[in-house]
PDB file of N, CA and C in Angstrom:
ATOM      1  N   MET A   1       7.622  37.513 -70.367  1.00  0.00           N
ATOM      2  CA  MET A   1       8.020  38.029 -68.714  1.00  0.00           C
ATOM      3  C   MET A   1       9.835  37.588 -68.994  1.00  0.00           C
ATOM      4  N   SER A   2      10.226  38.700 -68.163  1.00  0.00           N
ATOM      5  CA  SER A   2      11.601  38.490 -68.006  1.00  0.00           C
ATOM      6  C   SER A   2      11.891  37.591 -67.070  1.00  0.00           C
ATOM      7  N   LYS A   3      13.477  37.335 -67.106  1.00  0.00           N
ATOM      8  CA  LYS A   3      13.921  36.330 -66.147  1.00  0.00           C
ATOM      9  C   LYS A   3      13.974  36.934 -64.895  1.00  0.00           C
ATOM     10  N   ASP A   4      14.233  38.060 -64.343  1.00  0.00           N
ATOM     11  CA  ASP A   4      14.075  38.613 -63.435  1.00  0.00           C
ATOM     12  C   ASP A   4      12.603  38.499 -62.731  1.00  0.00           C
ATOM     13  N   GLN A   5      11.520  38.906 -63.601  1.00  0.00           N
ATOM     14  CA  GLN A   5      10.207  38.772 -62.994  1.00  0.00           C
ATOM     15  C   GLN A   5       9.879  37.235 -62.655  1.00  0.00           C
ATOM     16  N   PHE A   6      10.478  36.349 -63.371  1.00  0.00           N
ATOM     17  CA  PHE A   6      10.355  34.779 -63.398  1.00  0.00           C
ATOM     18  C   PHE A   6      10.826  34.529 -62.013  1.00  0.00           C
ATOM     19  N   LYS A   7      12.075  34.967 -61.739  1.00  0.00           N
ATOM     20  CA  LYS A   7      12.871  34.704 -60.347  1.00  0.00           C
ATOM     21  C   LYS A   7      12.100  35.247 -59.364  1.00  0.00           C
ATOM     22  N   THR A   8      11.460  36.451 -59.437  1.00  0.00           N
ATOM     23  CA  THR A   8      10.759  36.986 -58.043  1.00  0.00           C
ATOM     24  C   THR A   8       9.354  36.027 -57.654  1.00  0.00           C
ATOM     25  N   ARG A   9       8.900  36.195 -59.025  1.00  0.00           N
ATOM     26  CA  ARG A   9       7.463  35.153 -58.606  1.00  0.00           C
ATOM     27  C   ARG A   9       7.716  33.667 -58.177  1.00  0.00           C
ATOM     28  N   LEU A  10       8.669  33.291 -58.701  1.00  0.00           N
ATOM     29  CA  LEU A  10       9.376  31.752 -57.902  1.00  0.00           C
ATOM     30  C   LEU A  10       9.849  31.944 -56.481  1.00  0.00           C
ATOM     31  N   GLN A  11      10.265  32.962 -56.213  1.00  0.00           N
ATOM     32  CA  GLN A  11      10.646  33.254 -54.830  1.00  0.00           C
ATOM     33  C   GLN A  11       9.410  33.364 -54.112  1.00  0.00           C
ATOM     34  N   ILE A  12       8.349  34.361 -54.438  1.00  0.00           N
ATOM     35  CA  ILE A  12       7.292  34.407 -53.702  1.00  0.00           C
ATOM     36  C   ILE A  12       6.462  33.007 -53.508  1.00  0.00           C
ATOM     37  N   ALA A  13       6.276  32.152 -54.596  1.00  0.00           N
ATOM     38  CA  ALA A  13       5.747  30.851 -54.554  1.00  0.00           C
ATOM     39  C   ALA A  13       6.282  30.081 -53.540  1.00  0.00           C
ATOM     40  N   LYS A  14       7.685  29.809 -53.414  1.00  0.00           N
ATOM     41  CA  LYS A  14       8.672  28.968 -52.669  1.00  0.00           C
ATOM     42  C   LYS A  14       8.402  29.576 -51.063  1.00  0.00           C
ATOM     43  N   ASN A  15       8.273  30.773 -50.769  1.00  0.00           N
ATOM     44  CA  ASN A  15       7.926  31.624 -49.605  1.00  0.00           C
ATOM     45  C   ASN A  15       6.397  31.151 -48.916  1.00  0.00           C
ATOM     46  N   LYS A  16       5.667  31.299 -49.949  1.00  0.00           N
ATOM     47  CA  LYS A  16       4.157  30.989 -49.482  1.00  0.00           C
ATOM     48  C   LYS A  16       4.438  29.421 -49.044  1.00  0.00           C
ATOM     49  N   LEU A  17       4.795  28.668 -49.783  1.00  0.00           N
ATOM     50  CA  LEU A  17       4.690  27.148 -49.598  1.00  0.00           C
ATOM     51  C   LEU A  17       5.649  26.760 -48.420  1.00  0.00           C
ATOM     52  N   SER A  18       6.634  27.484 -48.205  1.00  0.00           N
ATOM     53  CA  SER A  18       7.385  27.094 -46.974  1.00  0.00           C
ATOM     54  C   SER A  18       6.628  27.645 -45.734  1.00  0.00           C
ATOM     55  N   ARG A  19       5.850  29.028 -45.845  1.00  0.00           N
ATOM     56  CA  ARG A  19       4.929  29.271 -44.783  1.00  0.00           C
ATOM     57  C   ARG A  19       3.649  28.035 -44.478  1.00  0.00           C
ATOM     58  N   LYS A  20       3.361  27.730 -45.599  1.00  0.00           N
ATOM     59  CA  LYS A  20       2.418  26.926 -45.441  1.00  0.00           C
ATOM     60  C   LYS A  20       2.636  25.274 -44.610  1.00  0.00           C
ATOM     61  N   ASN A  21       3.709  24.891 -45.267  1.00  0.00           N
ATOM     62  CA  ASN A  21       4.490  23.844 -44.651  1.00  0.00           C
ATOM     63  C   ASN A  21       4.996  23.880 -43.313  1.00  0.00           C
ATOM     64  N   GLN A  22       5.419  25.198 -42.765  1.00  0.00           N
ATOM     65  CA  GLN A  22       5.799  25.342 -41.233  1.00  0.00           C
ATOM     66  C   GLN A  22       4.504  25.170 -40.515  1.00  0.00           C
ATOM     67  N   LYS A  23       3.211  25.908 -40.899  1.00  0.00           N
ATOM     68  CA  LYS A  23       2.229  25.873 -40.090  1.00  0.00           C
ATOM     69  C   LYS A  23       1.294  24.611 -40.256  1.00  0.00           C
ATOM     70  N   ASN A  24       1.486  23.596 -41.064  1.00  0.00           N
ATOM     71  CA  ASN A  24       1.237  22.300 -40.667  1.00  0.00           C
ATOM     72  C   ASN A  24       1.866  21.297 -40.358  1.00  0.00           C
ATOM     73  N   ASN A  25       3.100  21.846 -40.294  1.00  0.00           N
ATOM     74  CA  ASN A  25       4.075  20.889 -39.325  1.00  0.00           C
ATOM     75  C   ASN A  25       4.012  20.992 -37.794  1.00  0.00           C
ATOM     76  N   GLY A  26       3.656  22.226 -37.474  1.00  0.00           N
ATOM     77  CA  GLY A  26       3.479  22.717 -36.070  1.00  0.00           C
ATOM     78  C   GLY A  26       2.025  21.888 -35.715  1.00  0.00           C
ATOM     79  N   LYS A  27       1.211  22.039 -36.480  1.00  0.00           N
ATOM     80  CA  LYS A  27      -0.133  21.329 -35.995  1.00  0.00           C
ATOM     81  C   LYS A  27      -0.072  19.785 -35.895  1.00  0.00           C
ATOM     82  N   ASN A  28       0.808  19.398 -37.004  1.00  0.00           N
ATOM     83  CA  ASN A  28       0.788  17.565 -36.882  1.00  0.00           C
ATOM     84  C   ASN A  28       1.573  17.026 -35.767  1.00  0.00           C
ATOM     85  N   SER A  29       2.744  18.043 -35.462  1.00  0.00           N
ATOM     86  CA  SER A  29       3.593  17.678 -34.303  1.00  0.00           C
ATOM     87  C   SER A  29       2.891  17.720 -32.922  1.00  0.00           C
ATOM     88  N   SER A  30       2.067  18.851 -32.825  1.00  0.00           N
ATOM     89  CA  SER A  30       1.348  18.932 -31.901  1.00  0.00           C
ATOM     90  C   SER A  30       0.134  18.005 -31.549  1.00  0.00           C
ATOM     91  N   SER A  31      -0.368  17.462 -32.570  1.00  0.00           N
ATOM     92  CA  SER A  31      -1.410  16.353 -32.404  1.00  0.00           C
ATOM     93  C   SER A  31      -0.752  15.079 -32.019  1.00  0.00           C
ATOM     94  N   ILE A  32       0.570  14.857 -32.791  1.00  0.00           N
ATOM     95  CA  ILE A  32       1.164  13.779 -32.504  1.00  0.00           C
ATOM     96  C   ILE A  32       1.279  13.723 -30.926  1.00  0.00           C
ATOM     97  N   GLY A  33       1.955  14.655 -30.680  1.00  0.00           N
ATOM     98  CA  GLY A  33       2.241  14.692 -29.015  1.00  0.00           C
ATOM     99  C   GLY A  33       1.351  14.717 -28.039  1.00  0.00           C
ATOM    100  N   ALA A  34       0.224  15.055 -28.722  1.00  0.00           N
ATOM    101  CA  ALA A  34      -1.090  14.947 -27.614  1.00  0.00           C
ATOM    102  C   ALA A  34      -1.788  13.610 -27.754  1.00  0.00           C
ATOM    103  N   ALA A  35      -1.772  12.895 -29.130  1.00  0.00           N
ATOM    104  CA  ALA A  35      -1.921  11.599 -29.145  1.00  0.00           C
ATOM    105  C   ALA A  35      -0.905  10.871 -28.156  1.00  0.00           C
ATOM    106  N   PHE A  36       0.089  10.851 -28.072  1.00  0.00           N
ATOM    107  CA  PHE A  36       1.136  10.353 -27.621  1.00  0.00           C
ATOM    108  C   PHE A  36       1.036  10.371 -25.639  1.00  0.00           C
ATOM    109  N   LYS A  37       0.843  11.518 -25.664  1.00  0.00           N
ATOM    110  CA  LYS A  37       0.364  11.957 -24.172  1.00  0.00           C
ATOM    111  C   LYS A  37      -0.706  11.050 -23.569  1.00  0.00           C
ATOM    112  N   LEU A  38      -1.939  11.121 -24.297  1.00  0.00           N
ATOM    113  CA  LEU A  38      -2.892  10.304 -24.076  1.00  0.00           C
ATOM    114  C   LEU A  38      -2.844   8.858 -23.791  1.00  0.00           C
ATOM    115  N   SER A  39      -2.217   8.255 -24.956  1.00  0.00           N
ATOM    116  CA  SER A  39      -2.132   6.910 -24.863  1.00  0.00           C
ATOM    117  C   SER A  39      -0.995   6.466 -23.578  1.00  0.00           C
ATOM    118  N   THR A  40       0.115   7.300 -23.668  1.00  0.00           N
ATOM    119  CA  THR A  40       0.513   7.102 -22.306  1.00  0.00           C
ATOM    120  C   THR A  40       0.240   6.942 -21.053  1.00  0.00           C
ATOM    121  N   GLU A  41      -0.841   7.934 -21.188  1.00  0.00           N
ATOM    122  CA  GLU A  41      -1.486   7.927 -19.523  1.00  0.00           C
ATOM    123  C   GLU A  41      -2.367   6.783 -19.669  1.00  0.00           C
ATOM    124  N   LEU A  42      -3.033   6.303 -20.408  1.00  0.00           N
ATOM    125  CA  LEU A  42      -3.811   5.065 -20.164  1.00  0.00           C
ATOM    126  C   LEU A  42      -3.092   4.158 -19.905  1.00  0.00           C
ATOM    127  N   VAL A  43      -1.917   3.768 -20.839  1.00  0.00           N
ATOM    128  CA  VAL A  43      -0.912   2.398 -20.481  1.00  0.00           C
ATOM    129  C   VAL A  43      -0.356   2.527 -19.153  1.00  0.00           C
ATOM    130  N   ALA A  44       0.109   3.698 -18.759  1.00  0.00           N
ATOM    131  CA  ALA A  44       0.790   3.897 -17.657  1.00  0.00           C
ATOM    132  C   ALA A  44      -0.537   3.400 -16.483  1.00  0.00           C
ATOM    133  N   ALA A  45      -1.251   3.982 -16.385  1.00  0.00           N
ATOM    134  CA  ALA A  45      -2.466   3.721 -15.357  1.00  0.00           C
ATOM    135  C   ALA A  45      -2.887   2.024 -15.496  1.00  0.00           C
ATOM    136  N   VAL A  46      -2.689   1.417 -16.403  1.00  0.00           N
ATOM    137  CA  VAL A  46      -3.109   0.324 -16.365  1.00  0.00           C
ATOM    138  C   VAL A  46      -2.036  -0.710 -15.976  1.00  0.00           C
ATOM    139  N   ALA A  47      -0.791  -0.226 -16.410  1.00  0.00           N
ATOM    140  CA  ALA A  47       0.434  -0.857 -15.737  1.00  0.00           C
ATOM    141  C   ALA A  47       0.782  -0.835 -14.388  1.00  0.00           C
ATOM    142  N   VAL A  48       0.703   0.529 -13.823  1.00  0.00           N
ATOM    143  CA  VAL A  48       0.453   0.592 -12.302  1.00  0.00           C
ATOM    144  C   VAL A  48      -0.535  -0.221 -11.706  1.00  0.00           C
ATOM    145  N   GLY A  49      -1.850  -0.106 -12.179  1.00  0.00           N
ATOM    146  CA  GLY A  49      -2.935  -0.927 -11.499  1.00  0.00           C
ATOM    147  C   GLY A  49      -2.622  -2.518 -11.454  1.00  0.00           C
ATOM    148  N   THR A  50      -1.990  -3.017 -12.666  1.00  0.00           N
ATOM    149  CA  THR A  50      -1.237  -4.426 -12.423  1.00  0.00           C
ATOM    150  C   THR A  50      -0.456  -4.821 -11.488  1.00  0.00           C
ATOM    151  N   ILE A  51       0.336  -4.072 -11.315  1.00  0.00           N
ATOM    152  CA  ILE A  51       1.821  -4.124 -10.769  1.00  0.00           C
ATOM    153  C   ILE A  51       1.335  -4.289  -9.228  1.00  0.00           C
ATOM    154  N   ILE A  52       0.334  -3.216  -8.581  1.00  0.00           N
ATOM    155  CA  ILE A  52       0.091  -3.020  -7.493  1.00  0.00           C
ATOM    156  C   ILE A  52      -0.754  -4.386  -7.078  1.00  0.00           C
ATOM    157  N   GLY A  53      -1.714  -4.825  -8.088  1.00  0.00           N
ATOM    158  CA  GLY A  53      -2.444  -6.174  -7.822  1.00  0.00           C
ATOM    159  C   GLY A  53      -1.391  -7.309  -7.879  1.00  0.00           C
ATOM    160  N   PHE A  54      -0.334  -7.478  -8.739  1.00  0.00           N
ATOM    161  CA  PHE A  54       0.521  -8.570  -8.514  1.00  0.00           C
ATOM    162  C   PHE A  54       1.281  -8.538  -7.179  1.00  0.00           C
ATOM    163  N   ILE A  55       1.887  -7.362  -6.670  1.00  0.00           N
ATOM    164  CA  ILE A  55       2.458  -7.405  -5.438  1.00  0.00           C
ATOM    165  C   ILE A  55       1.290  -7.639  -4.037  1.00  0.00           C
ATOM    166  N   LEU A  56       0.106  -7.215  -4.199  1.00  0.00           N
ATOM    167  CA  LEU A  56      -0.830  -7.554  -3.157  1.00  0.00           C
ATOM    168  C   LEU A  56      -1.193  -9.038  -3.474  1.00  0.00           C
ATOM    169  N   ASP A  57      -1.358  -9.576  -4.436  1.00  0.00           N
ATOM    170  CA  ASP A  57      -1.343 -10.852  -4.734  1.00  0.00           C
ATOM    171  C   ASP A  57      -0.518 -12.010  -4.020  1.00  0.00           C
ATOM    172  N   ASN A  58       0.949 -11.682  -4.192  1.00  0.00           N
ATOM    173  CA  ASN A  58       2.026 -12.308  -3.548  1.00  0.00           C
ATOM    174  C   ASN A  58       2.036 -12.061  -2.021  1.00  0.00           C
ATOM    175  N   THR A  59       1.638 -10.795  -1.867  1.00  0.00           N
ATOM    176  CA  THR A  59       1.832 -10.500  -0.207  1.00  0.00           C
ATOM    177  C   THR A  59       0.565 -11.315   0.494  1.00  0.00           C
ATOM    178  N   PHE A  60      -0.437 -11.490  -0.122  1.00  0.00           N
ATOM    179  CA  PHE A  60      -1.643 -12.170   0.534  1.00  0.00           C
ATOM    180  C   PHE A  60      -1.892 -13.323   0.100  1.00  0.00           C
ATOM    181  N   GLY A  61      -1.452 -13.858  -0.980  1.00  0.00           N
ATOM    182  CA  GLY A  61      -1.563 -15.423  -1.433  1.00  0.00           C
ATOM    183  C   GLY A  61      -2.883 -15.561  -2.020  1.00  0.00           C
ATOM    184  N   THR A  62      -3.417 -14.609  -2.819  1.00  0.00           N
ATOM    185  CA  THR A  62      -4.917 -14.463  -3.435  1.00  0.00           C
ATOM    186  C   THR A  62      -4.561 -14.613  -4.847  1.00  0.00           C
ATOM    187  N   LYS A  63      -3.673 -15.613  -5.380  1.00  0.00           N
ATOM    188  CA  LYS A  63      -3.275 -15.461  -6.962  1.00  0.00           C
ATOM    189  C   LYS A  63      -3.723 -14.577  -7.827  1.00  0.00           C
ATOM    190  N   PRO A  64      -4.695 -14.925  -8.681  1.00  0.00           N
ATOM    191  CA  PRO A  64      -5.318 -13.916  -9.791  1.00  0.00           C
ATOM    192  C   PRO A  64      -6.126 -12.965  -9.373  1.00  0.00           C
ATOM    193  N   TRP A  65      -6.720 -12.839  -8.241  1.00  0.00           N
ATOM    194  CA  TRP A  65      -7.793 -11.886  -8.102  1.00  0.00           C
ATOM    195  C   TRP A  65      -7.593 -10.697  -7.684  1.00  0.00           C
ATOM    196  N   LEU A  66      -6.618 -10.240  -7.113  1.00  0.00           N
ATOM    197  CA  LEU A  66      -6.236  -8.770  -6.880  1.00  0.00           C
ATOM    198  C   LEU A  66      -5.794  -8.080  -8.247  1.00  0.00           C
ATOM    199  N   ILE A  67      -4.880  -9.244  -9.116  1.00  0.00           N
ATOM    200  CA  ILE A  67      -4.316  -8.600 -10.172  1.00  0.00           C
ATOM    201  C   ILE A  67      -5.445  -8.592 -11.039  1.00  0.00           C
ATOM    202  N   ILE A  68      -6.542  -9.165 -11.376  1.00  0.00           N
ATOM    203  CA  ILE A  68      -7.614  -8.826 -12.005  1.00  0.00           C
ATOM    204  C   ILE A  68      -8.627  -7.524 -11.341  1.00  0.00           C
ATOM    205  N   ILE A  69      -8.380  -7.630 -10.209  1.00  0.00           N
ATOM    206  CA  ILE A  69      -9.242  -6.188  -9.637  1.00  0.00           C
ATOM    207  C   ILE A  69      -8.625  -5.256 -10.103  1.00  0.00           C
ATOM    208  N   PHE A  70      -7.373  -4.936  -9.683  1.00  0.00           N
ATOM    209  CA  PHE A  70      -6.614  -4.046  -9.996  1.00  0.00           C
ATOM    210  C   PHE A  70      -6.370  -3.369 -11.331  1.00  0.00           C
ATOM    211  N   PHE A  71      -6.004  -4.543 -12.440  1.00  0.00           N
ATOM    212  CA  PHE A  71      -6.078  -4.277 -13.831  1.00  0.00           C
ATOM    213  C   PHE A  71      -7.208  -3.429 -14.073  1.00  0.00           C
ATOM    214  N   PHE A  72      -8.517  -3.810 -13.888  1.00  0.00           N
ATOM    215  CA  PHE A  72      -9.708  -2.977 -14.224  1.00  0.00           C
ATOM    216  C   PHE A  72      -9.664  -1.878 -13.603  1.00  0.00           C
ATOM    217  N   VAL A  73      -9.327  -1.719 -12.160  1.00  0.00           N
ATOM    218  CA  VAL A  73      -9.325  -0.313 -11.852  1.00  0.00           C
ATOM    219  C   VAL A  73      -8.342   0.388 -12.168  1.00  0.00           C
ATOM    220  N   GLY A  74      -7.247   0.162 -12.753  1.00  0.00           N
ATOM    221  CA  GLY A  74      -6.071   0.743 -13.782  1.00  0.00           C
ATOM    222  C   GLY A  74      -6.782   1.342 -14.953  1.00  0.00           C
ATOM    223  N   VAL A  75      -7.366   0.453 -15.600  1.00  0.00           N
ATOM    224  CA  VAL A  75      -8.450   0.719 -16.853  1.00  0.00           C
ATOM    225  C   VAL A  75      -9.042   1.860 -16.549  1.00  0.00           C
ATOM    226  N   ILE A  76      -9.882   1.815 -15.509  1.00  0.00           N
ATOM    227  CA  ILE A  76     -10.858   2.790 -15.645  1.00  0.00           C
ATOM    228  C   ILE A  76     -10.410   4.161 -15.072  1.00  0.00           C
ATOM    229  N   ALA A  77      -9.283   4.048 -14.181  1.00  0.00           N
ATOM    230  CA  ALA A  77      -8.222   5.225 -13.798  1.00  0.00           C
ATOM    231  C   ALA A  77      -7.795   5.830 -15.144  1.00  0.00           C
ATOM    232  N   GLY A  78      -7.505   4.911 -15.763  1.00  0.00           N
ATOM    233  CA  GLY A  78      -6.337   5.392 -16.945  1.00  0.00           C
ATOM    234  C   GLY A  78      -7.635   6.281 -18.176  1.00  0.00           C
ATOM    235  N   ILE A  79      -8.793   5.775 -18.092  1.00  0.00           N
ATOM    236  CA  ILE A  79      -9.795   6.237 -19.144  1.00  0.00           C
ATOM    237  C   ILE A  79     -10.241   7.765 -18.512  1.00  0.00           C
ATOM    238  N   ILE A  80     -10.455   7.626 -17.141  1.00  0.00           N
ATOM    239  CA  ILE A  80     -10.871   8.705 -16.534  1.00  0.00           C
ATOM    240  C   ILE A  80      -9.699   9.913 -16.744  1.00  0.00           C
ATOM    241  N   ASN A  81      -8.411   9.661 -16.625  1.00  0.00           N
ATOM    242  CA  ASN A  81      -7.088  10.675 -16.889  1.00  0.00           C
ATOM    243  C   ASN A  81      -7.361  10.949 -18.251  1.00  0.00           C
ATOM    244  N   VAL A  82      -7.585  10.155 -19.475  1.00  0.00           N
ATOM    245  CA  VAL A  82      -7.846  10.202 -20.781  1.00  0.00           C
ATOM    246  C   VAL A  82      -8.842  11.299 -20.953  1.00  0.00           C
ATOM    247  N   VAL A  83      -9.844  11.281 -20.343  1.00  0.00           N
ATOM    248  CA  VAL A  83     -11.232  12.067 -20.670  1.00  0.00           C
ATOM    249  C   VAL A  83     -10.814  13.443 -20.185  1.00  0.00           C
ATOM    250  N   ARG A  84     -10.178  13.708 -18.751  1.00  0.00           N
ATOM    251  CA  ARG A  84      -9.992  14.680 -18.235  1.00  0.00           C
ATOM    252  C   ARG A  84      -8.833  15.427 -19.133  1.00  0.00           C
ATOM    253  N   SER A  85      -7.634  14.818 -19.386  1.00  0.00           N
ATOM    254  CA  SER A  85      -6.611  15.491 -19.979  1.00  0.00           C
ATOM    255  C   SER A  85      -7.115  16.014 -21.598  1.00  0.00           C
ATOM    256  N   ALA A  86      -8.244  15.106 -22.197  1.00  0.00           N
ATOM    257  CA  ALA A  86      -8.830  15.720 -23.440  1.00  0.00           C
ATOM    258  C   ALA A  86      -9.597  16.976 -23.276  1.00  0.00           C
ATOM    259  N   LYS A  87     -10.409  17.067 -22.306  1.00  0.00           N
ATOM    260  CA  LYS A  87     -11.186  18.205 -21.645  1.00  0.00           C
ATOM    261  C   LYS A  87     -10.267  19.346 -21.714  1.00  0.00           C
ATOM    262  N   ASN A  88      -9.141  19.414 -20.919  1.00  0.00           N
ATOM    263  CA  ASN A  88      -8.381  20.343 -20.881  1.00  0.00           C
ATOM    264  C   ASN A  88      -7.475  20.708 -22.174  1.00  0.00           C
ATOM    265  N   MET A  89      -7.367  19.990 -23.055  1.00  0.00           N
ATOM    266  CA  MET A  89      -6.718  20.179 -24.252  1.00  0.00           C
ATOM    267  C   MET A  89      -7.519  21.098 -25.272  1.00  0.00           C
ATOM    268  N   GLN A  90      -9.061  20.602 -24.917  1.00  0.00           N
ATOM    269  CA  GLN A  90     -10.096  21.571 -25.893  1.00  0.00           C
ATOM    270  C   GLN A  90     -10.141  22.937 -25.361  1.00  0.00           C
ATOM    271  N   ASN A  91      -9.791  23.165 -23.802  1.00  0.00           N
ATOM    272  CA  ASN A  91     -10.047  24.545 -23.409  1.00  0.00           C
ATOM    273  C   ASN A  91      -8.510  25.083 -23.625  1.00  0.00           C
TER     274      ASN A  91
END
């Protein structure tokens, strides 16, 4: 095998490897983005529910009850949002 043939084969192998890495990087980054989106939706719903419960507790003087109730409402809303987003991602 000559030096030129070796360089050509090496270049072809490098091109195949770089194309394969580009395809994998796109899939990994989109998967990470989707996971981050889903986790953010869940955390945001729980935080908003808890904050609403805290504000209403301070307003009405029912200290722990509305925080607890709205915490669980936030958890349920977050799970529903995550399931809905996951179904949309599959389509």
